């Protein structure tokens, strides 16, 4: 899986009065996009397997993963949730480092020192 850029440059656009609503919407839309892609890929795989290998969709429902497969899935979920929650992680990193200035304040600070 390609590693996404962790933080966008520039000011983040806002659509709602409360910036936290924008953050939640961004997380939900990111998650919705990932789920839609996975749904289509899973549907394709199920149809191909059913057509060529004779395995029925009911067989998929009965499948029980091994410990190794469960561990691989857990690692994937951790990475996936990290991507979904990246906006929250960025906020936490900013608070932890004391970097809480908004974009306009940061630009003004640079301009006055330049």
C-alpha atoms as a PDB file:
ATOM      1  CA  UNK A   1       0.000   0.000   0.000  1.00  0.00           C
ATOM      2  CA  UNK A   2       1.383   3.403  -0.969  1.00  0.00           C
ATOM      3  CA  UNK A   3       2.184   5.716   1.901  1.00  0.00           C
ATOM      4  CA  UNK A   4       0.087   8.867   1.793  1.00  0.00           C
ATOM      5  CA  UNK A   5       1.466  12.285   2.637  1.00  0.00           C
ATOM      6  CA  UNK A   6       0.688  12.792   6.314  1.00  0.00           C
ATOM      7  CA  UNK A   7      -0.058  16.520   6.260  1.00  0.00           C
ATOM      8  CA  UNK A   8      -1.324  18.748   3.462  1.00  0.00           C
ATOM      9  CA  UNK A   9       0.449  22.025   2.882  1.00  0.00           C
ATOM     10  CA  UNK A  10      -1.424  25.298   3.146  1.00  0.00           C
ATOM     11  CA  UNK A  11      -4.697  26.168   4.787  1.00  0.00           C
ATOM     12  CA  UNK A  12      -7.353  23.484   4.988  1.00  0.00           C
ATOM     13  CA  UNK A  13     -10.673  24.593   3.445  1.00  0.00           C
ATOM     14  CA  UNK A  14     -13.617  24.827   5.833  1.00  0.00           C
ATOM     15  CA  UNK A  15     -17.280  24.323   5.065  1.00  0.00           C
ATOM     16  CA  UNK A  16     -18.922  24.428   8.500  1.00  0.00           C
ATOM     17  CA  UNK A  17     -18.769  26.962  11.293  1.00  0.00           C
ATOM     18  CA  UNK A  18     -17.239  24.415  13.669  1.00  0.00           C
ATOM     19  CA  UNK A  19     -13.899  23.162  12.240  1.00  0.00           C
ATOM     20  CA  UNK A  20     -14.335  19.885  14.138  1.00  0.00           C
ATOM     21  CA  UNK A  21     -17.345  19.071  11.951  1.00  0.00           C
ATOM     22  CA  UNK A  22     -15.113  19.466   8.885  1.00  0.00           C
ATOM     23  CA  UNK A  23     -12.607  17.074  10.437  1.00  0.00           C
ATOM     24  CA  UNK A  24     -15.252  14.440  11.145  1.00  0.00           C
ATOM     25  CA  UNK A  25     -16.664  14.813   7.632  1.00  0.00           C
ATOM     26  CA  UNK A  26     -13.145  14.395   6.184  1.00  0.00           C
ATOM     27  CA  UNK A  27     -12.620  11.208   8.208  1.00  0.00           C
ATOM     28  CA  UNK A  28     -16.013   9.779   7.249  1.00  0.00           C
ATOM     29  CA  UNK A  29     -15.542  10.562   3.562  1.00  0.00           C
ATOM     30  CA  UNK A  30     -12.070   9.030   3.571  1.00  0.00           C
ATOM     31  CA  UNK A  31     -13.487   5.917   5.184  1.00  0.00           C
ATOM     32  CA  UNK A  32     -16.444   5.814   2.787  1.00  0.00           C
ATOM     33  CA  UNK A  33     -14.083   5.962  -0.193  1.00  0.00           C
ATOM     34  CA  UNK A  34     -11.965   3.121   1.139  1.00  0.00           C
ATOM     35  CA  UNK A  35     -15.021   0.970   1.902  1.00  0.00           C
ATOM     36  CA  UNK A  36     -16.495   1.572  -1.574  1.00  0.00           C
ATOM     37  CA  UNK A  37     -13.260   0.511  -3.282  1.00  0.00           C
ATOM     38  CA  UNK A  38     -12.950  -2.573  -1.080  1.00  0.00           C
ATOM     39  CA  UNK A  39     -16.577  -3.516  -1.723  1.00  0.00           C
ATOM     40  CA  UNK A  40     -16.056  -3.408  -5.484  1.00  0.00           C
ATOM     41  CA  UNK A  41     -12.823  -5.403  -5.287  1.00  0.00           C
ATOM     42  CA  UNK A  42     -14.362  -8.025  -3.004  1.00  0.00           C
ATOM     43  CA  UNK A  43     -17.389  -8.342  -5.273  1.00  0.00           C
ATOM     44  CA  UNK A  44     -15.073  -8.837  -8.269  1.00  0.00           C
ATOM     45  CA  UNK A  45     -13.048 -11.481  -6.448  1.00  0.00           C
ATOM     46  CA  UNK A  46     -16.147 -13.357  -5.290  1.00  0.00           C
ATOM     47  CA  UNK A  47     -17.576 -13.408  -8.809  1.00  0.00           C
ATOM     48  CA  UNK A  48     -14.282 -14.586 -10.346  1.00  0.00           C
ATOM     49  CA  UNK A  49     -13.774 -17.288  -7.730  1.00  0.00           C
ATOM     50  CA  UNK A  50     -17.358 -18.512  -8.044  1.00  0.00           C
ATOM     51  CA  UNK A  51     -17.056 -18.629 -11.845  1.00  0.00           C
ATOM     52  CA  UNK A  52     -13.628 -20.232 -12.206  1.00  0.00           C
ATOM     53  CA  UNK A  53     -13.045 -22.241  -9.037  1.00  0.00           C
ATOM     54  CA  UNK A  54     -16.575 -23.310  -8.249  1.00  0.00           C
ATOM     55  CA  UNK A  55     -16.415 -21.884  -4.731  1.00  0.00           C
ATOM     56  CA  UNK A  56     -19.767 -20.453  -3.675  1.00  0.00           C
ATOM     57  CA  UNK A  57     -20.261 -17.236  -1.747  1.00  0.00           C
ATOM     58  CA  UNK A  58     -21.618 -19.314   1.134  1.00  0.00           C
ATOM     59  CA  UNK A  59     -18.194 -20.977   1.397  1.00  0.00           C
ATOM     60  CA  UNK A  60     -16.715 -17.529   1.992  1.00  0.00           C
ATOM     61  CA  UNK A  61     -19.123 -16.981   4.903  1.00  0.00           C
ATOM     62  CA  UNK A  62     -18.052 -20.284   6.468  1.00  0.00           C
ATOM     63  CA  UNK A  63     -14.303 -19.534   6.210  1.00  0.00           C
ATOM     64  CA  UNK A  64     -12.407 -19.228   9.518  1.00  0.00           C
ATOM     65  CA  UNK A  65      -8.970 -17.569   9.321  1.00  0.00           C
ATOM     66  CA  UNK A  66      -5.845 -19.099  10.860  1.00  0.00           C
ATOM     67  CA  UNK A  67      -3.906 -17.276  13.585  1.00  0.00           C
ATOM     68  CA  UNK A  68      -1.426 -16.044  10.968  1.00  0.00           C
ATOM     69  CA  UNK A  69      -4.183 -14.678   8.742  1.00  0.00           C
ATOM     70  CA  UNK A  70      -5.835 -13.048  11.776  1.00  0.00           C
ATOM     71  CA  UNK A  71      -2.538 -11.346  12.668  1.00  0.00           C
ATOM     72  CA  UNK A  72      -2.092 -10.086   9.093  1.00  0.00           C
ATOM     73  CA  UNK A  73      -5.619  -8.689   9.111  1.00  0.00           C
ATOM     74  CA  UNK A  74      -5.035  -6.993  12.468  1.00  0.00           C
ATOM     75  CA  UNK A  75      -1.900  -5.311  11.088  1.00  0.00           C
ATOM     76  CA  UNK A  76      -3.837  -4.139   8.039  1.00  0.00           C
ATOM     77  CA  UNK A  77      -6.632  -2.740  10.234  1.00  0.00           C
ATOM     78  CA  UNK A  78      -4.108  -0.828  12.325  1.00  0.00           C
ATOM     79  CA  UNK A  79      -2.626   0.793   9.205  1.00  0.00           C
ATOM     80  CA  UNK A  80      -6.076   1.468   7.773  1.00  0.00           C
ATOM     81  CA  UNK A  81      -7.343   3.134  10.937  1.00  0.00           C
ATOM     82  CA  UNK A  82      -4.181   5.204  11.092  1.00  0.00           C
ATOM     83  CA  UNK A  83      -5.001   6.555   7.630  1.00  0.00           C
ATOM     84  CA  UNK A  84      -8.659   7.173   8.515  1.00  0.00           C
ATOM     85  CA  UNK A  85      -7.747   8.947  11.748  1.00  0.00           C
ATOM     86  CA  UNK A  86      -4.738  10.842  10.364  1.00  0.00           C
ATOM     87  CA  UNK A  87      -6.413  14.232  10.856  1.00  0.00           C
ATOM     88  CA  UNK A  88      -6.836  13.465  14.560  1.00  0.00           C
ATOM     89  CA  UNK A  89      -3.198  12.317  14.784  1.00  0.00           C
ATOM     90  CA  UNK A  90      -2.051  15.550  13.105  1.00  0.00           C
ATOM     91  CA  UNK A  91      -3.995  17.571  15.669  1.00  0.00           C
ATOM     92  CA  UNK A  92      -2.513  15.563  18.541  1.00  0.00           C
ATOM     93  CA  UNK A  93       1.018  15.987  17.163  1.00  0.00           C
ATOM     94  CA  UNK A  94       0.463  19.745  16.821  1.00  0.00           C
ATOM     95  CA  UNK A  95      -0.809  20.010  20.393  1.00  0.00           C
ATOM     96  CA  UNK A  96       2.045  17.888  21.730  1.00  0.00           C
ATOM     97  CA  UNK A  97       4.665  19.988  19.937  1.00  0.00           C
ATOM     98  CA  UNK A  98       3.014  23.268  20.828  1.00  0.00           C
ATOM     99  CA  UNK A  99       2.372  24.025  17.151  1.00  0.00           C
ATOM    100  CA  UNK A 100      -1.129  25.408  17.582  1.00  0.00           C
ATOM    101  CA  UNK A 101      -0.839  28.576  15.495  1.00  0.00           C
ATOM    102  CA  UNK A 102      -3.179  28.792  12.581  1.00  0.00           C
ATOM    103  CA  UNK A 103      -1.903  29.270   9.044  1.00  0.00           C
ATOM    104  CA  UNK A 104      -2.422  33.058   8.891  1.00  0.00           C
ATOM    105  CA  UNK A 105      -0.512  33.571  12.148  1.00  0.00           C
ATOM    106  CA  UNK A 106       2.370  31.447  10.889  1.00  0.00           C
ATOM    107  CA  UNK A 107       2.580  33.427   7.630  1.00  0.00           C
ATOM    108  CA  UNK A 108       2.464  36.742   9.526  1.00  0.00           C
ATOM    109  CA  UNK A 109       5.264  35.555  11.788  1.00  0.00           C
ATOM    110  CA  UNK A 110       7.445  34.583   8.822  1.00  0.00           C
ATOM    111  CA  UNK A 111       6.723  37.873   7.030  1.00  0.00           C
ATOM    112  CA  UNK A 112       7.705  39.971  10.064  1.00  0.00           C
ATOM    113  CA  UNK A 113      10.989  38.095  10.492  1.00  0.00           C
ATOM    114  CA  UNK A 114      11.832  38.254   6.760  1.00  0.00           C
END
